[in-house]
Amino acid sequence: MGIFGRKRRADGATSRGRHAAPEVDELPDGEAVEEADTALPDSEPETTGPFDVADAPEDESPRIDLGSVRVPVPDGSQVQVEMDQQTQQVRAVHVVTPHGQVTVSAYAAPRSGGLWDEVGVELADQLRSDGAKVATGEGEWGLELSAVVGEVALRFVGVDGPRWMLRGVIAGPQSLAAQAPATLRDIVRDTIVVRGDGPMPVRTPLPITLPPAVAEHIAQQQAQQQAQQG
């Protein structure tokens, strides 16, 4: 369900406000391949983000506070909340951009780091077993995955932080695949992770909590739906 967005007006000011089909021969960034394992081009710039909350910048970048992650909402984007219909708990929060749907998730990780390399290899194997065409390469933070599943193009990045791992994915039509990676990196780069000090098993997803106004909006929608069904 859409909650709010940031739309660009004509004068440049801003206001707050999901795979099956024919075989394809291009990866999401528009580069033709003959085999799924063709390497992706390297990314040039180094980054200073994403940030641990202890090192987060004091800026005015618009972010939605989800408890464990504070995710930027770019101009022209909208936030959508995915609910588990059985438990009525939040399953995921997505930032829907003009170039695809971005989902950022944080997990508990060991102090030694290196979790994303393990998870990335497992993810690539899983995608291949599901019939996806997968390419791996080195990007801004190390391993990146690019995949085509039916008509959907996917790009995954991961970052190892202090006792956390951040994973980002953008999903969208292949026609927009060339612009999608940069959009994903921009959002991941500006994300703030709030790990907390308590012990957690490695790979445990860090909990998502919704801002009060968003939680109230969803509760009202659920109440209306129940009343209609009743």
C-alpha atoms as a PDB file:
ATOM      1  CA  MET A   1       0.000   0.000   0.000  1.00  0.00           C
ATOM      2  CA  GLY A   2       1.289   3.412  -0.879  1.00  0.00           C
ATOM      3  CA  ILE A   3       1.849   5.693   2.071  1.00  0.00           C
ATOM      4  CA  PHE A   4       3.556   8.852   0.975  1.00  0.00           C
ATOM      5  CA  GLY A   5       5.849  10.145  -1.689  1.00  0.00           C
ATOM      6  CA  ARG A   6       8.006  13.024  -2.762  1.00  0.00           C
ATOM      7  CA  LYS A   7       6.913  14.526  -6.058  1.00  0.00           C
ATOM      8  CA  ARG A   8       8.758  17.096  -8.135  1.00  0.00           C
ATOM      9  CA  ARG A   9       6.738  20.066  -9.274  1.00  0.00           C
ATOM     10  CA  ALA A  10       7.267  21.665 -12.634  1.00  0.00           C
ATOM     11  CA  ASP A  11       9.327  24.475 -11.082  1.00  0.00           C
ATOM     12  CA  GLY A  12      11.738  21.949  -9.508  1.00  0.00           C
ATOM     13  CA  ALA A  13      10.476  22.355  -5.927  1.00  0.00           C
ATOM     14  CA  THR A  14       9.586  19.277  -3.939  1.00  0.00           C
ATOM     15  CA  SER A  15       6.755  18.334  -1.629  1.00  0.00           C
ATOM     16  CA  ARG A  16       6.496  15.476   0.807  1.00  0.00           C
ATOM     17  CA  GLY A  17       3.909  13.806   0.245  1.00  0.00           C
ATOM     18  CA  ARG A  18       6.746  -7.538  -8.565  1.00  0.00           C
ATOM     19  CA  HIS A  19       8.441 -13.011 -12.888  1.00  0.00           C
ATOM     20  CA  ALA A  20       7.972 -15.241 -16.022  1.00  0.00           C
ATOM     21  CA  ALA A  21       8.302 -14.630 -19.759  1.00  0.00           C
ATOM     22  CA  PRO A  22      10.548 -15.072 -22.748  1.00  0.00           C
ATOM     23  CA  GLU A  23      14.301 -15.676 -22.705  1.00  0.00           C
ATOM     24  CA  VAL A  24      16.336 -12.486 -22.715  1.00  0.00           C
ATOM     25  CA  ASP A  25      19.868 -11.717 -23.808  1.00  0.00           C
ATOM     26  CA  GLU A  26      20.590  -8.548 -21.887  1.00  0.00           C
ATOM     27  CA  LEU A  27      21.483  -7.939 -18.302  1.00  0.00           C
ATOM     28  CA  PRO A  28      19.733  -5.233 -16.323  1.00  0.00           C
ATOM     29  CA  ASP A  29      22.407  -2.651 -17.025  1.00  0.00           C
ATOM     30  CA  GLY A  30      21.850  -3.045 -20.751  1.00  0.00           C
ATOM     31  CA  GLU A  31      25.024  -5.051 -21.465  1.00  0.00           C
ATOM     32  CA  ALA A  32      24.526  -8.016 -23.825  1.00  0.00           C
ATOM     33  CA  VAL A  33      25.920 -11.338 -22.616  1.00  0.00           C
ATOM     34  CA  GLU A  34      26.338 -14.847 -23.931  1.00  0.00           C
ATOM     35  CA  GLU A  35      26.686 -16.510 -20.553  1.00  0.00           C
ATOM     36  CA  ALA A  36      25.118 -15.729 -17.211  1.00  0.00           C
ATOM     37  CA  ASP A  37      28.475 -15.408 -15.462  1.00  0.00           C
ATOM     38  CA  THR A  38      29.799 -12.541 -17.551  1.00  0.00           C
ATOM     39  CA  ALA A  39      31.312  -9.993 -15.194  1.00  0.00           C
ATOM     40  CA  LEU A  40      29.688  -6.633 -14.654  1.00  0.00           C
ATOM     41  CA  PRO A  41      31.656  -3.450 -15.222  1.00  0.00           C
ATOM     42  CA  ASP A  42      33.407  -2.020 -12.208  1.00  0.00           C
ATOM     43  CA  SER A  43      32.027   1.057 -10.502  1.00  0.00           C
ATOM     44  CA  GLU A  44      34.414   3.957 -10.159  1.00  0.00           C
ATOM     45  CA  PRO A  45      33.591   6.135  -7.157  1.00  0.00           C
ATOM     46  CA  GLU A  46      34.327   5.178  -3.597  1.00  0.00           C
ATOM     47  CA  THR A  47      31.746   5.897  -0.976  1.00  0.00           C
ATOM     48  CA  THR A  48      31.452   7.137   2.561  1.00  0.00           C
ATOM     49  CA  GLY A  49      28.052   5.529   3.122  1.00  0.00           C
ATOM     50  CA  PRO A  50      25.916   3.735   4.119  1.00  0.00           C
ATOM     51  CA  PHE A  51      26.346   4.915   7.657  1.00  0.00           C
ATOM     52  CA  ASP A  52      26.262   3.381  11.076  1.00  0.00           C
ATOM     53  CA  VAL A  53      24.112   5.554  13.293  1.00  0.00           C
ATOM     54  CA  ALA A  54      27.198   6.445  15.324  1.00  0.00           C
ATOM     55  CA  ASP A  55      28.765   8.027  12.236  1.00  0.00           C
ATOM     56  CA  ALA A  56      25.644   9.335  10.530  1.00  0.00           C
ATOM     57  CA  PRO A  57      25.824  12.815   9.019  1.00  0.00           C
ATOM     58  CA  GLU A  58      23.728  15.593  10.435  1.00  0.00           C
ATOM     59  CA  ASP A  59      21.953  16.549   7.246  1.00  0.00           C
ATOM     60  CA  GLU A  60      18.440  17.294   6.082  1.00  0.00           C
ATOM     61  CA  SER A  61      18.190  14.428   3.590  1.00  0.00           C
ATOM     62  CA  PRO A  62      14.578  13.141   3.626  1.00  0.00           C
ATOM     63  CA  ARG A  63      14.583   9.626   5.080  1.00  0.00           C
ATOM     64  CA  ILE A  64      11.843   7.349   6.387  1.00  0.00           C
ATOM     65  CA  ASP A  65      12.721   6.076   9.857  1.00  0.00           C
ATOM     66  CA  LEU A  66      12.068   2.321  10.011  1.00  0.00           C
ATOM     67  CA  GLY A  67      13.808   1.731  13.324  1.00  0.00           C
ATOM     68  CA  SER A  68      16.761  -0.365  12.214  1.00  0.00           C
ATOM     69  CA  VAL A  69      17.239   1.577   8.981  1.00  0.00           C
ATOM     70  CA  ARG A  70      16.613   5.143   7.932  1.00  0.00           C
ATOM     71  CA  VAL A  71      16.095   5.028   4.187  1.00  0.00           C
ATOM     72  CA  PRO A  72      16.222   8.048   1.880  1.00  0.00           C
ATOM     73  CA  VAL A  73      13.172   8.820  -0.243  1.00  0.00           C
ATOM     74  CA  PRO A  74      14.320  10.490  -3.496  1.00  0.00           C
ATOM     75  CA  ASP A  75      12.302  13.026  -5.434  1.00  0.00           C
ATOM     76  CA  GLY A  76       9.490  11.455  -7.422  1.00  0.00           C
ATOM     77  CA  SER A  77       9.445   8.316  -5.221  1.00  0.00           C
ATOM     78  CA  GLN A  78       6.790   6.727  -3.059  1.00  0.00           C
ATOM     79  CA  VAL A  79       6.971   4.544   0.034  1.00  0.00           C
ATOM     80  CA  GLN A  80       4.963   1.304   0.052  1.00  0.00           C
ATOM     81  CA  VAL A  81       4.467  -1.012   3.021  1.00  0.00           C
ATOM     82  CA  GLU A  82       4.134  -4.761   2.388  1.00  0.00           C
ATOM     83  CA  MET A  83       2.083  -6.507   5.072  1.00  0.00           C
ATOM     84  CA  ASP A  84       1.835 -10.204   5.940  1.00  0.00           C
ATOM     85  CA  GLN A  85      -1.859 -10.914   5.412  1.00  0.00           C
ATOM     86  CA  GLN A  86      -1.926 -13.660   8.048  1.00  0.00           C
ATOM     87  CA  THR A  87       0.017 -12.019  10.854  1.00  0.00           C
ATOM     88  CA  GLN A  88      -0.689  -8.403   9.867  1.00  0.00           C
ATOM     89  CA  GLN A  89       2.967  -7.666  10.563  1.00  0.00           C
ATOM     90  CA  VAL A  90       5.222  -5.593   8.342  1.00  0.00           C
ATOM     91  CA  ARG A  91       7.007  -7.819   5.845  1.00  0.00           C
ATOM     92  CA  ALA A  92       8.982  -5.146   4.010  1.00  0.00           C
ATOM     93  CA  VAL A  93       9.036  -1.473   3.146  1.00  0.00           C
ATOM     94  CA  HIS A  94       9.783  -0.459  -0.440  1.00  0.00           C
ATOM     95  CA  VAL A  95      10.807   2.805  -2.037  1.00  0.00           C
ATOM     96  CA  VAL A  96       9.183   2.906  -5.463  1.00  0.00           C
ATOM     97  CA  THR A  97      11.302   5.069  -7.777  1.00  0.00           C
ATOM     98  CA  PRO A  98      10.875   5.932 -11.464  1.00  0.00           C
ATOM     99  CA  HIS A  99      13.538   3.258 -12.246  1.00  0.00           C
ATOM    100  CA  GLY A 100      12.200   0.416 -10.085  1.00  0.00           C
ATOM    101  CA  GLN A 101      11.253  -0.720  -6.611  1.00  0.00           C
ATOM    102  CA  VAL A 102      14.061  -0.508  -4.054  1.00  0.00           C
ATOM    103  CA  THR A 103      14.097  -2.590  -0.878  1.00  0.00           C
ATOM    104  CA  VAL A 104      16.775  -2.102   1.768  1.00  0.00           C
ATOM    105  CA  SER A 105      17.186  -4.612   4.621  1.00  0.00           C
ATOM    106  CA  ALA A 106      19.659  -4.846   7.498  1.00  0.00           C
ATOM    107  CA  TYR A 107      20.886  -7.979   9.270  1.00  0.00           C
ATOM    108  CA  ALA A 108      22.998  -8.821  12.300  1.00  0.00           C
ATOM    109  CA  ALA A 109      26.537  -9.729  11.266  1.00  0.00           C
ATOM    110  CA  PRO A 110      29.770 -10.894  12.908  1.00  0.00           C
ATOM    111  CA  ARG A 111      32.359  -8.384  14.059  1.00  0.00           C
ATOM    112  CA  SER A 112      34.792  -9.868  11.542  1.00  0.00           C
ATOM    113  CA  GLY A 113      32.567  -8.825   8.625  1.00  0.00           C
ATOM    114  CA  GLY A 114      32.462 -10.639   5.296  1.00  0.00           C
ATOM    115  CA  LEU A 115      28.831 -11.752   5.574  1.00  0.00           C
ATOM    116  CA  TRP A 116      27.749 -10.197   2.280  1.00  0.00           C
ATOM    117  CA  ASP A 117      30.260 -12.294   0.301  1.00  0.00           C
ATOM    118  CA  GLU A 118      28.674 -15.446   1.764  1.00  0.00           C
ATOM    119  CA  VAL A 119      25.107 -14.260   1.324  1.00  0.00           C
ATOM    120  CA  GLY A 120      25.769 -12.966  -2.179  1.00  0.00           C
ATOM    121  CA  VAL A 121      27.103 -16.345  -3.384  1.00  0.00           C
ATOM    122  CA  GLU A 122      24.117 -18.143  -1.834  1.00  0.00           C
ATOM    123  CA  LEU A 123      21.732 -15.646  -3.396  1.00  0.00           C
ATOM    124  CA  ALA A 124      23.280 -16.110  -6.841  1.00  0.00           C
ATOM    125  CA  ASP A 125      22.955 -19.888  -6.532  1.00  0.00           C
ATOM    126  CA  GLN A 126      19.326 -19.553  -5.467  1.00  0.00           C
ATOM    127  CA  LEU A 127      18.500 -17.242  -8.343  1.00  0.00           C
ATOM    128  CA  ARG A 128      20.078 -19.655 -10.839  1.00  0.00           C
ATOM    129  CA  SER A 129      18.135 -22.559  -9.378  1.00  0.00           C
ATOM    130  CA  ASP A 130      14.990 -20.503  -9.910  1.00  0.00           C
ATOM    131  CA  GLY A 131      15.836 -20.105 -13.573  1.00  0.00           C
ATOM    132  CA  ALA A 132      17.287 -16.615 -13.520  1.00  0.00           C
ATOM    133  CA  LYS A 133      20.145 -15.431 -15.714  1.00  0.00           C
ATOM    134  CA  VAL A 134      22.738 -14.158 -13.228  1.00  0.00           C
ATOM    135  CA  ALA A 135      25.908 -12.110 -13.554  1.00  0.00           C
ATOM    136  CA  THR A 136      28.328 -11.203 -10.794  1.00  0.00           C
ATOM    137  CA  GLY A 137      30.865  -8.426 -10.647  1.00  0.00           C
ATOM    138  CA  GLU A 138      32.650  -5.900  -8.478  1.00  0.00           C
ATOM    139  CA  GLY A 139      30.857  -2.687  -7.643  1.00  0.00           C
ATOM    140  CA  GLU A 140      31.091   0.190  -5.251  1.00  0.00           C
ATOM    141  CA  TRP A 141      31.096  -1.962  -2.118  1.00  0.00           C
ATOM    142  CA  GLY A 142      32.397  -5.201  -3.612  1.00  0.00           C
ATOM    143  CA  LEU A 143      30.197  -8.025  -4.915  1.00  0.00           C
ATOM    144  CA  GLU A 144      27.163  -7.027  -6.983  1.00  0.00           C
ATOM    145  CA  LEU A 145      24.596  -9.356  -8.524  1.00  0.00           C
ATOM    146  CA  SER A 146      22.588  -8.688 -11.659  1.00  0.00           C
ATOM    147  CA  ALA A 147      19.757 -11.019 -12.650  1.00  0.00           C
ATOM    148  CA  VAL A 148      16.962 -11.330 -15.185  1.00  0.00           C
ATOM    149  CA  VAL A 149      13.861 -13.282 -14.184  1.00  0.00           C
ATOM    150  CA  GLY A 150      11.311 -13.307 -16.968  1.00  0.00           C
ATOM    151  CA  GLU A 151      10.710  -9.656 -17.814  1.00  0.00           C
ATOM    152  CA  VAL A 152      12.059  -8.354 -14.514  1.00  0.00           C
ATOM    153  CA  ALA A 153      15.577  -7.030 -14.046  1.00  0.00           C
ATOM    154  CA  LEU A 154      17.156  -7.207 -10.588  1.00  0.00           C
ATOM    155  CA  ARG A 155      20.291  -5.705  -9.109  1.00  0.00           C
ATOM    156  CA  PHE A 156      21.616  -6.576  -5.639  1.00  0.00           C
ATOM    157  CA  VAL A 157      24.289  -4.828  -3.595  1.00  0.00           C
ATOM    158  CA  GLY A 158      25.512  -5.489  -0.083  1.00  0.00           C
ATOM    159  CA  VAL A 159      27.606  -3.666   2.475  1.00  0.00           C
ATOM    160  CA  ASP A 160      29.312  -5.009   5.601  1.00  0.00           C
ATOM    161  CA  GLY A 161      29.216  -2.603   8.537  1.00  0.00           C
ATOM    162  CA  PRO A 162      30.044  -2.785  12.246  1.00  0.00           C
ATOM    163  CA  ARG A 163      28.080  -5.882  13.348  1.00  0.00           C
ATOM    164  CA  TRP A 164      25.535  -5.374  10.564  1.00  0.00           C
ATOM    165  CA  MET A 165      25.108  -6.146   6.898  1.00  0.00           C
ATOM    166  CA  LEU A 166      22.961  -4.043   4.621  1.00  0.00           C
ATOM    167  CA  ARG A 167      21.412  -5.515   1.484  1.00  0.00           C
ATOM    168  CA  GLY A 168      19.721  -3.497  -1.223  1.00  0.00           C
ATOM    169  CA  VAL A 169      17.811  -4.667  -4.294  1.00  0.00           C
ATOM    170  CA  ILE A 170      16.061  -2.860  -7.110  1.00  0.00           C
ATOM    171  CA  ALA A 171      13.475  -4.632  -9.266  1.00  0.00           C
ATOM    172  CA  GLY A 172      11.968  -3.206 -12.409  1.00  0.00           C
ATOM    173  CA  PRO A 173      11.324  -3.694 -16.135  1.00  0.00           C
ATOM    174  CA  GLN A 174      14.295  -4.396 -18.367  1.00  0.00           C
ATOM    175  CA  SER A 175      13.617  -1.223 -20.281  1.00  0.00           C
ATOM    176  CA  LEU A 176      14.744   0.753 -17.234  1.00  0.00           C
ATOM    177  CA  ALA A 177      17.636  -1.538 -16.258  1.00  0.00           C
ATOM    178  CA  ALA A 178      20.366   0.840 -17.397  1.00  0.00           C
ATOM    179  CA  GLN A 179      19.366   3.523 -14.898  1.00  0.00           C
ATOM    180  CA  ALA A 180      18.380   1.176 -12.039  1.00  0.00           C
ATOM    181  CA  PRO A 181      21.837   0.405 -10.540  1.00  0.00           C
ATOM    182  CA  ALA A 182      22.690   4.062  -9.983  1.00  0.00           C
ATOM    183  CA  THR A 183      19.327   4.641  -8.305  1.00  0.00           C
ATOM    184  CA  LEU A 184      19.905   1.663  -6.007  1.00  0.00           C
ATOM    185  CA  ARG A 185      23.420   2.773  -5.088  1.00  0.00           C
ATOM    186  CA  ASP A 186      22.275   6.301  -4.332  1.00  0.00           C
ATOM    187  CA  ILE A 187      19.657   5.037  -1.867  1.00  0.00           C
ATOM    188  CA  VAL A 188      21.981   2.498  -0.205  1.00  0.00           C
ATOM    189  CA  ARG A 189      24.776   5.071   0.027  1.00  0.00           C
ATOM    190  CA  ASP A 190      22.597   7.468   1.999  1.00  0.00           C
ATOM    191  CA  THR A 191      20.989   4.874   4.307  1.00  0.00           C
ATOM    192  CA  ILE A 192      21.626   4.924   8.057  1.00  0.00           C
ATOM    193  CA  VAL A 193      21.724   1.620   9.998  1.00  0.00           C
ATOM    194  CA  VAL A 194      20.709   1.410  13.671  1.00  0.00           C
ATOM    195  CA  ARG A 195      22.065  -1.958  14.839  1.00  0.00           C
ATOM    196  CA  GLY A 196      21.542  -1.598  18.584  1.00  0.00           C
ATOM    197  CA  ASP A 197      23.883  -2.997  21.231  1.00  0.00           C
ATOM    198  CA  GLY A 198      22.113  -6.261  22.110  1.00  0.00           C
ATOM    199  CA  PRO A 199      23.462  -9.645  21.010  1.00  0.00           C
ATOM    200  CA  MET A 200      21.728 -11.171  17.986  1.00  0.00           C
ATOM    201  CA  PRO A 201      22.346 -14.350  15.986  1.00  0.00           C
ATOM    202  CA  VAL A 202      24.188 -13.698  12.741  1.00  0.00           C
ATOM    203  CA  ARG A 203      21.835 -13.165   9.769  1.00  0.00           C
ATOM    204  CA  THR A 204      18.922 -12.167  11.964  1.00  0.00           C
ATOM    205  CA  PRO A 205      16.943  -9.416  10.208  1.00  0.00           C
ATOM    206  CA  LEU A 206      17.002  -6.201  12.176  1.00  0.00           C
ATOM    207  CA  PRO A 207      13.430  -5.312  13.161  1.00  0.00           C
ATOM    208  CA  ILE A 208      11.363  -2.845  11.151  1.00  0.00           C
ATOM    209  CA  THR A 209       9.151  -0.363  12.946  1.00  0.00           C
ATOM    210  CA  LEU A 210       6.915   2.099  11.148  1.00  0.00           C
ATOM    211  CA  PRO A 211       6.685   5.802  11.918  1.00  0.00           C
ATOM    212  CA  PRO A 212       3.587   6.530  14.069  1.00  0.00           C
ATOM    213  CA  ALA A 213       1.742   8.379  11.300  1.00  0.00           C
ATOM    214  CA  VAL A 214       2.309   5.504   8.834  1.00  0.00           C
ATOM    215  CA  ALA A 215       1.302   2.869  11.401  1.00  0.00           C
ATOM    216  CA  GLU A 216      -1.871   4.812  12.190  1.00  0.00           C
ATOM    217  CA  HIS A 217      -2.713   5.147   8.502  1.00  0.00           C
ATOM    218  CA  ILE A 218      -2.337   1.369   7.982  1.00  0.00           C
ATOM    219  CA  ALA A 219      -4.398   0.613  11.093  1.00  0.00           C
ATOM    220  CA  GLN A 220      -7.212   2.791   9.773  1.00  0.00           C
ATOM    221  CA  GLN A 221      -7.115   1.045   6.398  1.00  0.00           C
ATOM    222  CA  GLN A 222      -7.215  -2.363   8.068  1.00  0.00           C
ATOM    223  CA  ALA A 223     -10.159  -1.304  10.233  1.00  0.00           C
ATOM    224  CA  GLN A 224     -12.061  -0.093   7.170  1.00  0.00           C
ATOM    225  CA  GLN A 225     -11.388  -3.365   5.356  1.00  0.00           C
ATOM    226  CA  GLN A 226     -12.579  -5.400   8.335  1.00  0.00           C
ATOM    227  CA  ALA A 227     -15.730  -3.295   8.597  1.00  0.00           C
ATOM    228  CA  GLN A 228     -16.485  -3.824   4.912  1.00  0.00           C
ATOM    229  CA  GLN A 229     -15.913  -7.562   5.199  1.00  0.00           C
ATOM    230  CA  GLY A 230     -18.084  -7.672   8.312  1.00  0.00           C
END
